[in-house]
């Protein structure tokens, strides 16, 4: 609920989002993402880049703060 209220862009739960990211970019399937895996994975996947960009858009956080 917190992820959804912060980003305002996705119908995915935080768990679904995390699972999707790991499926796409955990290249060695060890259940952990190194910074290198994350960067390479996001740079190599246009859809994931767009989703990440939207999910980390903090403009909705500022609206929540402004509106109390």
C-alpha atoms as a PDB file:
ATOM      1  CA  UNK A   1       0.000   0.000   0.000  1.00  0.00           C
ATOM      2  CA  UNK A   2       2.858   2.361   0.806  1.00  0.00           C
ATOM      3  CA  UNK A   3       4.548   1.731  -2.552  1.00  0.00           C
ATOM      4  CA  UNK A   4       1.300   2.310  -4.397  1.00  0.00           C
ATOM      5  CA  UNK A   5       0.465   5.506  -2.507  1.00  0.00           C
ATOM      6  CA  UNK A   6       3.951   6.881  -3.078  1.00  0.00           C
ATOM      7  CA  UNK A   7       4.226   6.155  -6.776  1.00  0.00           C
ATOM      8  CA  UNK A   8       0.611   6.513  -7.847  1.00  0.00           C
ATOM      9  CA  UNK A   9       1.460   4.862 -11.183  1.00  0.00           C
ATOM     10  CA  UNK A  10       1.317   1.116 -10.713  1.00  0.00           C
ATOM     11  CA  UNK A  11      -1.282  -1.484  -9.847  1.00  0.00           C
ATOM     12  CA  UNK A  12       1.514  -3.860  -8.793  1.00  0.00           C
ATOM     13  CA  UNK A  13       2.050  -4.744  -5.188  1.00  0.00           C
ATOM     14  CA  UNK A  14       5.527  -4.201  -3.766  1.00  0.00           C
ATOM     15  CA  UNK A  15       6.046  -7.984  -3.806  1.00  0.00           C
ATOM     16  CA  UNK A  16       4.967  -8.303  -7.442  1.00  0.00           C
ATOM     17  CA  UNK A  17       7.232  -5.430  -8.433  1.00  0.00           C
ATOM     18  CA  UNK A  18      10.217  -6.942  -6.607  1.00  0.00           C
ATOM     19  CA  UNK A  19       9.628 -10.399  -8.098  1.00  0.00           C
ATOM     20  CA  UNK A  20       9.382  -8.938 -11.603  1.00  0.00           C
ATOM     21  CA  UNK A  21      12.641  -7.013 -11.176  1.00  0.00           C
ATOM     22  CA  UNK A  22      14.489 -10.089  -9.921  1.00  0.00           C
ATOM     23  CA  UNK A  23      13.129 -12.275 -12.739  1.00  0.00           C
ATOM     24  CA  UNK A  24      14.348  -9.789 -15.319  1.00  0.00           C
ATOM     25  CA  UNK A  25      17.762  -8.795 -13.995  1.00  0.00           C
ATOM     26  CA  UNK A  26      19.124 -11.302 -11.451  1.00  0.00           C
ATOM     27  CA  UNK A  27      21.343 -12.805 -14.147  1.00  0.00           C
ATOM     28  CA  UNK A  28      23.138 -15.322 -11.930  1.00  0.00           C
ATOM     29  CA  UNK A  29      19.906 -16.316 -10.128  1.00  0.00           C
ATOM     30  CA  UNK A  30      21.422 -16.043  -6.668  1.00  0.00           C
ATOM     31  CA  UNK A  31      18.456 -14.135  -5.216  1.00  0.00           C
ATOM     32  CA  UNK A  32      20.537 -11.004  -4.747  1.00  0.00           C
ATOM     33  CA  UNK A  33      21.085  -7.996  -6.979  1.00  0.00           C
ATOM     34  CA  UNK A  34      24.459  -6.364  -7.155  1.00  0.00           C
ATOM     35  CA  UNK A  35      24.573  -2.726  -8.161  1.00  0.00           C
ATOM     36  CA  UNK A  36      26.132  -3.823 -11.450  1.00  0.00           C
ATOM     37  CA  UNK A  37      23.312  -6.304 -12.148  1.00  0.00           C
ATOM     38  CA  UNK A  38      20.718  -3.680 -11.337  1.00  0.00           C
ATOM     39  CA  UNK A  39      22.254  -0.972 -13.519  1.00  0.00           C
ATOM     40  CA  UNK A  40      22.914  -3.297 -16.467  1.00  0.00           C
ATOM     41  CA  UNK A  41      19.482  -4.866 -16.173  1.00  0.00           C
ATOM     42  CA  UNK A  42      17.602  -1.588 -16.079  1.00  0.00           C
ATOM     43  CA  UNK A  43      19.693  -0.068 -18.866  1.00  0.00           C
ATOM     44  CA  UNK A  44      19.076  -3.141 -21.026  1.00  0.00           C
ATOM     45  CA  UNK A  45      15.305  -3.277 -20.579  1.00  0.00           C
ATOM     46  CA  UNK A  46      13.342  -0.306 -21.886  1.00  0.00           C
ATOM     47  CA  UNK A  47      10.089  -1.376 -20.203  1.00  0.00           C
ATOM     48  CA  UNK A  48      11.795  -1.860 -16.860  1.00  0.00           C
ATOM     49  CA  UNK A  49      13.545   1.503 -17.199  1.00  0.00           C
ATOM     50  CA  UNK A  50      10.181   3.189 -17.740  1.00  0.00           C
ATOM     51  CA  UNK A  51       8.595   1.326 -14.834  1.00  0.00           C
ATOM     52  CA  UNK A  52      11.503   2.130 -12.499  1.00  0.00           C
ATOM     53  CA  UNK A  53      11.415   5.778 -13.543  1.00  0.00           C
ATOM     54  CA  UNK A  54       7.700   5.999 -12.795  1.00  0.00           C
ATOM     55  CA  UNK A  55       8.000   4.103  -9.517  1.00  0.00           C
ATOM     56  CA  UNK A  56      10.732   6.369  -8.240  1.00  0.00           C
ATOM     57  CA  UNK A  57       8.993   9.582  -9.256  1.00  0.00           C
ATOM     58  CA  UNK A  58       8.770  11.439  -5.950  1.00  0.00           C
ATOM     59  CA  UNK A  59       6.368  14.146  -7.130  1.00  0.00           C
ATOM     60  CA  UNK A  60       3.477  12.295  -5.466  1.00  0.00           C
ATOM     61  CA  UNK A  61       5.403  12.203  -2.187  1.00  0.00           C
ATOM     62  CA  UNK A  62       5.725  15.976  -2.339  1.00  0.00           C
ATOM     63  CA  UNK A  63       1.969  16.297  -2.937  1.00  0.00           C
ATOM     64  CA  UNK A  64       1.236  14.118   0.089  1.00  0.00           C
ATOM     65  CA  UNK A  65       3.595  16.193   2.246  1.00  0.00           C
ATOM     66  CA  UNK A  66       2.104  19.468   1.017  1.00  0.00           C
ATOM     67  CA  UNK A  67      -1.446  18.287   1.610  1.00  0.00           C
ATOM     68  CA  UNK A  68      -0.656  17.008   5.102  1.00  0.00           C
END
